[in-house]
């Protein structure tokens, strides 16, 4: 496997995990509806790209990289949700 293929494989592996996180956010009732909708959108895009995983043309590759960046920028919103420690 070439260095480029190895880097692409790493990005695909991480994108798979990010999409799964989005799937969990989309289905969690504590997440605000706008956040859940955005997460659902990311999951739909990921699922659309899934059939070309590792074999995409340049446009699909760019779409995958863009999706990776969009999800990475989205996830900090979860940290910004106001929470407090559980009472024991």
PDB file of N, CA and C in Angstrom:
ATOM      1  N   UNK A   1       0.854  -1.168   0.000  1.00  0.00           N
ATOM      2  CA  UNK A   1       0.000   0.000   0.000  1.00  0.00           C
ATOM      3  C   UNK A   1       0.907   1.242   0.000  1.00  0.00           C
ATOM      4  N   UNK A   2       0.617   2.155  -0.897  1.00  0.00           N
ATOM      5  CA  UNK A   2       1.418   3.381  -0.976  1.00  0.00           C
ATOM      6  C   UNK A   2       1.120   4.287   0.211  1.00  0.00           C
ATOM      7  N   UNK A   3       1.965   5.277   0.391  1.00  0.00           N
ATOM      8  CA  UNK A   3       1.757   6.236   1.486  1.00  0.00           C
ATOM      9  C   UNK A   3       0.429   6.978   1.316  1.00  0.00           C
ATOM     10  N   UNK A   4       0.113   7.359   0.072  1.00  0.00           N
ATOM     11  CA  UNK A   4      -1.142   8.058  -0.189  1.00  0.00           C
ATOM     12  C   UNK A   4      -2.342   7.167   0.126  1.00  0.00           C
ATOM     13  N   UNK A   5      -2.275   5.911  -0.296  1.00  0.00           N
ATOM     14  CA  UNK A   5      -3.368   4.978  -0.012  1.00  0.00           C
ATOM     15  C   UNK A   5      -3.541   4.777   1.496  1.00  0.00           C
ATOM     16  N   UNK A   6      -2.419   4.727   2.188  1.00  0.00           N
ATOM     17  CA  UNK A   6      -2.455   4.551   3.627  1.00  0.00           C
ATOM     18  C   UNK A   6      -3.108   5.762   4.310  1.00  0.00           C
ATOM     19  N   UNK A   7      -2.769   6.960   3.851  1.00  0.00           N
ATOM     20  CA  UNK A   7      -3.381   8.172   4.410  1.00  0.00           C
ATOM     21  C   UNK A   7      -4.875   8.220   4.102  1.00  0.00           C
ATOM     22  N   UNK A   8      -5.245   7.846   2.886  1.00  0.00           N
ATOM     23  CA  UNK A   8      -6.666   7.800   2.530  1.00  0.00           C
ATOM     24  C   UNK A   8      -7.405   6.794   3.404  1.00  0.00           C
ATOM     25  N   UNK A   9      -6.775   5.644   3.642  1.00  0.00           N
ATOM     26  CA  UNK A   9      -7.380   4.617   4.480  1.00  0.00           C
ATOM     27  C   UNK A   9      -7.594   5.140   5.897  1.00  0.00           C
ATOM     28  N   UNK A  10      -6.643   5.879   6.425  1.00  0.00           N
ATOM     29  CA  UNK A  10      -6.779   6.476   7.749  1.00  0.00           C
ATOM     30  C   UNK A  10      -7.960   7.433   7.802  1.00  0.00           C
ATOM     31  N   UNK A  11      -8.080   8.293   6.794  1.00  0.00           N
ATOM     32  CA  UNK A  11      -9.181   9.258   6.762  1.00  0.00           C
ATOM     33  C   UNK A  11     -10.529   8.556   6.648  1.00  0.00           C
ATOM     34  N   UNK A  12     -10.604   7.517   5.840  1.00  0.00           N
ATOM     35  CA  UNK A  12     -11.857   6.769   5.702  1.00  0.00           C
ATOM     36  C   UNK A  12     -12.225   6.120   7.028  1.00  0.00           C
ATOM     37  N   UNK A  13     -11.238   5.543   7.708  1.00  0.00           N
ATOM     38  CA  UNK A  13     -11.488   4.890   8.986  1.00  0.00           C
ATOM     39  C   UNK A  13     -12.047   5.896  10.001  1.00  0.00           C
ATOM     40  N   UNK A  14     -11.466   7.088  10.048  1.00  0.00           N
ATOM     41  CA  UNK A  14     -11.926   8.114  10.975  1.00  0.00           C
ATOM     42  C   UNK A  14     -13.317   8.611  10.571  1.00  0.00           C
ATOM     43  N   UNK A  15     -13.558   8.789   9.265  1.00  0.00           N
ATOM     44  CA  UNK A  15     -14.868   9.250   8.799  1.00  0.00           C
ATOM     45  C   UNK A  15     -15.957   8.252   9.173  1.00  0.00           C
ATOM     46  N   UNK A  16     -15.661   6.979   9.107  1.00  0.00           N
ATOM     47  CA  UNK A  16     -16.626   5.952   9.517  1.00  0.00           C
ATOM     48  C   UNK A  16     -17.013   6.172  10.979  1.00  0.00           C
ATOM     49  N   UNK A  17     -16.019   6.404  11.830  1.00  0.00           N
ATOM     50  CA  UNK A  17     -16.287   6.625  13.248  1.00  0.00           C
ATOM     51  C   UNK A  17     -17.053   7.930  13.478  1.00  0.00           C
ATOM     52  N   UNK A  18     -16.674   8.986  12.769  1.00  0.00           N
ATOM     53  CA  UNK A  18     -17.374  10.260  12.914  1.00  0.00           C
ATOM     54  C   UNK A  18     -18.840  10.136  12.498  1.00  0.00           C
ATOM     55  N   UNK A  19     -19.087   9.415  11.426  1.00  0.00           N
ATOM     56  CA  UNK A  19     -20.465   9.219  10.970  1.00  0.00           C
ATOM     57  C   UNK A  19     -21.268   8.436  12.009  1.00  0.00           C
ATOM     58  N   UNK A  20     -20.635   7.489  12.663  1.00  0.00           N
ATOM     59  CA  UNK A  20     -21.335   6.720  13.705  1.00  0.00           C
ATOM     60  C   UNK A  20     -21.653   7.608  14.902  1.00  0.00           C
ATOM     61  N   UNK A  21     -20.764   8.509  15.249  1.00  0.00           N
ATOM     62  CA  UNK A  21     -21.050   9.467  16.315  1.00  0.00           C
ATOM     63  C   UNK A  21     -22.244  10.329  15.922  1.00  0.00           C
ATOM     64  N   UNK A  22     -22.260  10.789  14.682  1.00  0.00           N
ATOM     65  CA  UNK A  22     -23.388  11.591  14.205  1.00  0.00           C
ATOM     66  C   UNK A  22     -24.684  10.810  14.263  1.00  0.00           C
ATOM     67  N   UNK A  23     -24.623   9.532  13.949  1.00  0.00           N
ATOM     68  CA  UNK A  23     -25.822   8.681  14.013  1.00  0.00           C
ATOM     69  C   UNK A  23     -26.357   8.641  15.449  1.00  0.00           C
ATOM     70  N   UNK A  24     -25.443   8.567  16.417  1.00  0.00           N
ATOM     71  CA  UNK A  24     -25.852   8.545  17.827  1.00  0.00           C
ATOM     72  C   UNK A  24     -26.454   9.883  18.246  1.00  0.00           C
ATOM     73  N   UNK A  25     -25.837  10.975  17.818  1.00  0.00           N
ATOM     74  CA  UNK A  25     -26.367  12.310  18.135  1.00  0.00           C
ATOM     75  C   UNK A  25     -27.756  12.473  17.520  1.00  0.00           C
ATOM     76  N   UNK A  26     -27.920  12.041  16.277  1.00  0.00           N
ATOM     77  CA  UNK A  26     -29.198  12.190  15.578  1.00  0.00           C
ATOM     78  C   UNK A  26     -30.329  11.459  16.292  1.00  0.00           C
ATOM     79  N   UNK A  27     -29.998  10.390  16.976  1.00  0.00           N
ATOM     80  CA  UNK A  27     -31.027   9.606  17.643  1.00  0.00           C
ATOM     81  C   UNK A  27     -31.191   9.891  19.125  1.00  0.00           C
ATOM     82  N   UNK A  28     -30.425  10.833  19.646  1.00  0.00           N
ATOM     83  CA  UNK A  28     -30.489  11.087  21.095  1.00  0.00           C
ATOM     84  C   UNK A  28     -31.477  12.204  21.416  1.00  0.00           C
ATOM     85  N   UNK A  29     -32.453  11.922  22.238  1.00  0.00           N
ATOM     86  CA  UNK A  29     -33.489  12.919  22.519  1.00  0.00           C
ATOM     87  C   UNK A  29     -32.991  14.156  23.286  1.00  0.00           C
ATOM     88  N   UNK A  30     -31.858  14.079  23.951  1.00  0.00           N
ATOM     89  CA  UNK A  30     -31.350  15.229  24.703  1.00  0.00           C
ATOM     90  C   UNK A  30     -30.686  16.271  23.796  1.00  0.00           C
ATOM     91  N   UNK A  31     -30.328  15.874  22.592  1.00  0.00           N
ATOM     92  CA  UNK A  31     -29.717  16.826  21.656  1.00  0.00           C
ATOM     93  C   UNK A  31     -30.805  17.741  21.106  1.00  0.00           C
ATOM     94  N   UNK A  32     -30.510  19.035  20.988  1.00  0.00           N
ATOM     95  CA  UNK A  32     -31.489  19.946  20.382  1.00  0.00           C
ATOM     96  C   UNK A  32     -31.844  19.493  18.961  1.00  0.00           C
ATOM     97  N   UNK A  33     -33.067  19.770  18.546  1.00  0.00           N
ATOM     98  CA  UNK A  33     -33.539  19.305  17.237  1.00  0.00           C
ATOM     99  C   UNK A  33     -32.640  19.780  16.098  1.00  0.00           C
ATOM    100  N   UNK A  34     -32.176  21.016  16.153  1.00  0.00           N
ATOM    101  CA  UNK A  34     -31.304  21.528  15.086  1.00  0.00           C
ATOM    102  C   UNK A  34     -30.006  20.715  15.007  1.00  0.00           C
ATOM    103  N   UNK A  35     -29.479  20.332  16.151  1.00  0.00           N
ATOM    104  CA  UNK A  35     -28.260  19.524  16.190  1.00  0.00           C
ATOM    105  C   UNK A  35     -28.535  18.123  15.650  1.00  0.00           C
ATOM    106  N   UNK A  36     -29.674  17.568  16.019  1.00  0.00           N
ATOM    107  CA  UNK A  36     -30.027  16.234  15.529  1.00  0.00           C
ATOM    108  C   UNK A  36     -30.222  16.250  14.015  1.00  0.00           C
ATOM    109  N   UNK A  37     -30.847  17.305  13.495  1.00  0.00           N
ATOM    110  CA  UNK A  37     -31.076  17.419  12.052  1.00  0.00           C
ATOM    111  C   UNK A  37     -29.746  17.522  11.298  1.00  0.00           C
ATOM    112  N   UNK A  38     -28.827  18.316  11.830  1.00  0.00           N
ATOM    113  CA  UNK A  38     -27.511  18.438  11.191  1.00  0.00           C
ATOM    114  C   UNK A  38     -26.788  17.097  11.203  1.00  0.00           C
ATOM    115  N   UNK A  39     -26.869  16.394  12.307  1.00  0.00           N
ATOM    116  CA  UNK A  39     -26.238  15.074  12.404  1.00  0.00           C
ATOM    117  C   UNK A  39     -26.865  14.100  11.400  1.00  0.00           C
ATOM    118  N   UNK A  40     -28.184  14.142  11.259  1.00  0.00           N
ATOM    119  CA  UNK A  40     -28.859  13.282  10.266  1.00  0.00           C
ATOM    120  C   UNK A  40     -28.377  13.596   8.852  1.00  0.00           C
ATOM    121  N   UNK A  41     -28.171  14.876   8.571  1.00  0.00           N
ATOM    122  CA  UNK A  41     -27.682  15.280   7.255  1.00  0.00           C
ATOM    123  C   UNK A  41     -26.296  14.698   6.988  1.00  0.00           C
ATOM    124  N   UNK A  42     -25.437  14.749   7.985  1.00  0.00           N
ATOM    125  CA  UNK A  42     -24.094  14.180   7.822  1.00  0.00           C
ATOM    126  C   UNK A  42     -24.162  12.673   7.582  1.00  0.00           C
ATOM    127  N   UNK A  43     -25.043  12.000   8.305  1.00  0.00           N
ATOM    128  CA  UNK A  43     -25.185  10.551   8.143  1.00  0.00           C
ATOM    129  C   UNK A  43     -25.676  10.227   6.728  1.00  0.00           C
ATOM    130  N   UNK A  44     -26.647  11.000   6.233  1.00  0.00           N
ATOM    131  CA  UNK A  44     -27.159  10.768   4.871  1.00  0.00           C
ATOM    132  C   UNK A  44     -26.052  10.945   3.837  1.00  0.00           C
ATOM    133  N   UNK A  45     -25.255  11.987   3.994  1.00  0.00           N
ATOM    134  CA  UNK A  45     -24.146  12.207   3.053  1.00  0.00           C
ATOM    135  C   UNK A  45     -23.150  11.049   3.113  1.00  0.00           C
ATOM    136  N   UNK A  46     -22.831  10.625   4.323  1.00  0.00           N
ATOM    137  CA  UNK A  46     -21.906   9.505   4.499  1.00  0.00           C
ATOM    138  C   UNK A  46     -22.457   8.246   3.826  1.00  0.00           C
ATOM    139  N   UNK A  47     -23.730   7.961   4.055  1.00  0.00           N
ATOM    140  CA  UNK A  47     -24.334   6.769   3.461  1.00  0.00           C
ATOM    141  C   UNK A  47     -24.357   6.841   1.937  1.00  0.00           C
ATOM    142  N   UNK A  48     -24.505   8.042   1.389  1.00  0.00           N
ATOM    143  CA  UNK A  48     -24.474   8.205  -0.057  1.00  0.00           C
ATOM    144  C   UNK A  48     -23.082   7.881  -0.598  1.00  0.00           C
ATOM    145  N   UNK A  49     -22.047   8.278   0.138  1.00  0.00           N
ATOM    146  CA  UNK A  49     -20.667   8.036  -0.296  1.00  0.00           C
ATOM    147  C   UNK A  49     -20.194   6.606  -0.024  1.00  0.00           C
ATOM    148  N   UNK A  50     -20.861   5.899   0.857  1.00  0.00           N
ATOM    149  CA  UNK A  50     -20.417   4.575   1.285  1.00  0.00           C
ATOM    150  C   UNK A  50     -20.139   3.595   0.138  1.00  0.00           C
ATOM    151  N   UNK A  51     -20.969   3.534  -0.902  1.00  0.00           N
ATOM    152  CA  UNK A  51     -20.700   2.571  -1.978  1.00  0.00           C
ATOM    153  C   UNK A  51     -19.378   2.805  -2.723  1.00  0.00           C
ATOM    154  N   UNK A  52     -18.862   4.023  -2.702  1.00  0.00           N
ATOM    155  CA  UNK A  52     -17.607   4.302  -3.424  1.00  0.00           C
ATOM    156  C   UNK A  52     -16.413   4.345  -2.482  1.00  0.00           C
ATOM    157  N   UNK A  53     -16.613   3.886  -1.261  1.00  0.00           N
ATOM    158  CA  UNK A  53     -15.557   3.913  -0.243  1.00  0.00           C
ATOM    159  C   UNK A  53     -14.245   3.353  -0.791  1.00  0.00           C
ATOM    160  N   UNK A  54     -13.235   4.205  -0.806  1.00  0.00           N
ATOM    161  CA  UNK A  54     -11.914   3.798  -1.265  1.00  0.00           C
ATOM    162  C   UNK A  54     -11.746   3.757  -2.770  1.00  0.00           C
ATOM    163  N   UNK A  55     -12.825   4.003  -3.536  1.00  0.00           N
ATOM    164  CA  UNK A  55     -12.738   3.932  -4.996  1.00  0.00           C
ATOM    165  C   UNK A  55     -13.332   5.161  -5.656  1.00  0.00           C
ATOM    166  N   UNK A  56     -13.548   6.210  -4.890  1.00  0.00           N
ATOM    167  CA  UNK A  56     -14.231   7.383  -5.413  1.00  0.00           C
ATOM    168  C   UNK A  56     -13.430   8.143  -6.453  1.00  0.00           C
ATOM    169  N   UNK A  57     -14.158   8.836  -7.322  1.00  0.00           N
ATOM    170  CA  UNK A  57     -13.517   9.718  -8.291  1.00  0.00           C
ATOM    171  C   UNK A  57     -13.082  10.988  -7.551  1.00  0.00           C
ATOM    172  N   UNK A  58     -12.384  11.903  -8.212  1.00  0.00           N
ATOM    173  CA  UNK A  58     -11.912  13.110  -7.514  1.00  0.00           C
ATOM    174  C   UNK A  58     -13.030  13.927  -6.847  1.00  0.00           C
ATOM    175  N   UNK A  59     -14.202  14.022  -7.476  1.00  0.00           N
ATOM    176  CA  UNK A  59     -15.308  14.767  -6.861  1.00  0.00           C
ATOM    177  C   UNK A  59     -15.799  14.082  -5.588  1.00  0.00           C
ATOM    178  N   UNK A  60     -15.923  12.771  -5.625  1.00  0.00           N
ATOM    179  CA  UNK A  60     -16.371  12.021  -4.452  1.00  0.00           C
ATOM    180  C   UNK A  60     -15.323  12.091  -3.338  1.00  0.00           C
ATOM    181  N   UNK A  61     -14.058  12.043  -3.725  1.00  0.00           N
ATOM    182  CA  UNK A  61     -12.971  12.165  -2.747  1.00  0.00           C
ATOM    183  C   UNK A  61     -13.051  13.521  -2.040  1.00  0.00           C
ATOM    184  N   UNK A  62     -13.247  14.584  -2.813  1.00  0.00           N
ATOM    185  CA  UNK A  62     -13.364  15.922  -2.241  1.00  0.00           C
ATOM    186  C   UNK A  62     -14.584  16.009  -1.324  1.00  0.00           C
ATOM    187  N   UNK A  63     -15.689  15.423  -1.737  1.00  0.00           N
ATOM    188  CA  UNK A  63     -16.903  15.417  -0.934  1.00  0.00           C
ATOM    189  C   UNK A  63     -16.637  14.720   0.407  1.00  0.00           C
ATOM    190  N   UNK A  64     -15.948  13.590   0.354  1.00  0.00           N
ATOM    191  CA  UNK A  64     -15.612  12.863   1.580  1.00  0.00           C
ATOM    192  C   UNK A  64     -14.723  13.678   2.503  1.00  0.00           C
ATOM    193  N   UNK A  65     -13.723  14.334   1.936  1.00  0.00           N
ATOM    194  CA  UNK A  65     -12.832  15.165   2.750  1.00  0.00           C
ATOM    195  C   UNK A  65     -13.591  16.349   3.342  1.00  0.00           C
ATOM    196  N   UNK A  66     -14.478  16.940   2.555  1.00  0.00           N
ATOM    197  CA  UNK A  66     -15.273  18.069   3.039  1.00  0.00           C
ATOM    198  C   UNK A  66     -16.208  17.615   4.166  1.00  0.00           C
ATOM    199  N   UNK A  67     -16.815  16.459   3.995  1.00  0.00           N
ATOM    200  CA  UNK A  67     -17.692  15.914   5.025  1.00  0.00           C
ATOM    201  C   UNK A  67     -16.909  15.669   6.313  1.00  0.00           C
ATOM    202  N   UNK A  68     -15.716  15.125   6.193  1.00  0.00           N
ATOM    203  CA  UNK A  68     -14.833  14.884   7.338  1.00  0.00           C
ATOM    204  C   UNK A  68     -14.631  16.196   8.107  1.00  0.00           C
ATOM    205  N   UNK A  69     -14.294  17.257   7.403  1.00  0.00           N
ATOM    206  CA  UNK A  69     -14.040  18.561   8.029  1.00  0.00           C
ATOM    207  C   UNK A  69     -15.319  19.116   8.659  1.00  0.00           C
ATOM    208  N   UNK A  70     -16.444  19.011   7.956  1.00  0.00           N
ATOM    209  CA  UNK A  70     -17.706  19.534   8.479  1.00  0.00           C
ATOM    210  C   UNK A  70     -18.101  18.841   9.784  1.00  0.00           C
ATOM    211  N   UNK A  71     -17.947  17.533   9.825  1.00  0.00           N
ATOM    212  CA  UNK A  71     -18.294  16.801  11.045  1.00  0.00           C
ATOM    213  C   UNK A  71     -17.339  17.177  12.175  1.00  0.00           C
ATOM    214  N   UNK A  72     -16.061  17.271  11.856  1.00  0.00           N
ATOM    215  CA  UNK A  72     -15.077  17.639  12.883  1.00  0.00           C
ATOM    216  C   UNK A  72     -15.386  19.019  13.471  1.00  0.00           C
ATOM    217  N   UNK A  73     -15.884  19.921  12.671  1.00  0.00           N
ATOM    218  CA  UNK A  73     -16.245  21.252  13.156  1.00  0.00           C
ATOM    219  C   UNK A  73     -17.584  21.252  13.892  1.00  0.00           C
ATOM    220  N   UNK A  74     -18.423  20.282  13.604  1.00  0.00           N
ATOM    221  CA  UNK A  74     -19.734  20.164  14.235  1.00  0.00           C
ATOM    222  C   UNK A  74     -19.643  19.606  15.659  1.00  0.00           C
ATOM    223  N   UNK A  75     -18.784  18.647  15.883  1.00  0.00           N
ATOM    224  CA  UNK A  75     -18.742  17.927  17.153  1.00  0.00           C
ATOM    225  C   UNK A  75     -18.503  18.801  18.381  1.00  0.00           C
ATOM    226  N   UNK A  76     -17.711  19.871  18.324  1.00  0.00           N
ATOM    227  CA  UNK A  76     -17.558  20.706  19.522  1.00  0.00           C
ATOM    228  C   UNK A  76     -18.872  21.308  20.041  1.00  0.00           C
ATOM    229  N   UNK A  77     -19.886  21.373  19.198  1.00  0.00           N
ATOM    230  CA  UNK A  77     -21.187  21.879  19.660  1.00  0.00           C
ATOM    231  C   UNK A  77     -21.750  20.996  20.773  1.00  0.00           C
ATOM    232  N   UNK A  78     -21.387  19.737  20.773  1.00  0.00           N
ATOM    233  CA  UNK A  78     -21.862  18.820  21.807  1.00  0.00           C
ATOM    234  C   UNK A  78     -21.263  19.233  23.155  1.00  0.00           C
ATOM    235  N   UNK A  79     -20.007  19.619  23.150  1.00  0.00           N
ATOM    236  CA  UNK A  79     -19.347  20.050  24.376  1.00  0.00           C
ATOM    237  C   UNK A  79     -20.008  21.315  24.924  1.00  0.00           C
ATOM    238  N   UNK A  80     -20.509  22.154  24.028  1.00  0.00           N
ATOM    239  CA  UNK A  80     -21.120  23.419  24.436  1.00  0.00           C
ATOM    240  C   UNK A  80     -22.503  23.260  25.058  1.00  0.00           C
ATOM    241  N   UNK A  81     -23.099  22.077  24.980  1.00  0.00           N
ATOM    242  CA  UNK A  81     -24.388  21.852  25.638  1.00  0.00           C
ATOM    243  C   UNK A  81     -24.201  21.993  27.146  1.00  0.00           C
ATOM    244  N   UNK A  82     -25.080  22.764  27.779  1.00  0.00           N
ATOM    245  CA  UNK A  82     -24.966  22.980  29.204  1.00  0.00           C
ATOM    246  C   UNK A  82     -25.346  21.709  29.956  1.00  0.00           C
ATOM    247  N   UNK A  83     -24.431  21.244  30.787  1.00  0.00           N
ATOM    248  CA  UNK A  83     -24.689  20.090  31.633  1.00  0.00           C
ATOM    249  C   UNK A  83     -24.111  20.356  33.027  1.00  0.00           C
ATOM    250  N   UNK A  84     -24.511  19.554  33.975  1.00  0.00           N
ATOM    251  CA  UNK A  84     -23.967  19.672  35.328  1.00  0.00           C
ATOM    252  C   UNK A  84     -23.839  18.261  35.886  1.00  0.00           C
ATOM    253  N   UNK A  85     -22.995  18.103  36.917  1.00  0.00           N
ATOM    254  CA  UNK A  85     -22.761  16.756  37.468  1.00  0.00           C
ATOM    255  C   UNK A  85     -24.042  16.145  38.032  1.00  0.00           C
ATOM    256  N   UNK A  86     -24.111  14.859  37.951  1.00  0.00           N
ATOM    257  CA  UNK A  86     -25.245  14.128  38.531  1.00  0.00           C
ATOM    258  C   UNK A  86     -25.174  14.219  40.054  1.00  0.00           C
ATOM    259  N   UNK A  87     -26.324  14.301  40.674  1.00  0.00           N
ATOM    260  CA  UNK A  87     -26.395  14.341  42.135  1.00  0.00           C
ATOM    261  C   UNK A  87     -26.245  12.925  42.650  1.00  0.00           C
ATOM    262  N   UNK A  88     -25.403  12.776  43.647  1.00  0.00           N
ATOM    263  CA  UNK A  88     -25.187  11.417  44.213  1.00  0.00           C
ATOM    264  C   UNK A  88     -25.768  11.313  45.588  1.00  0.00           C
TER     265      UNK A  88
END
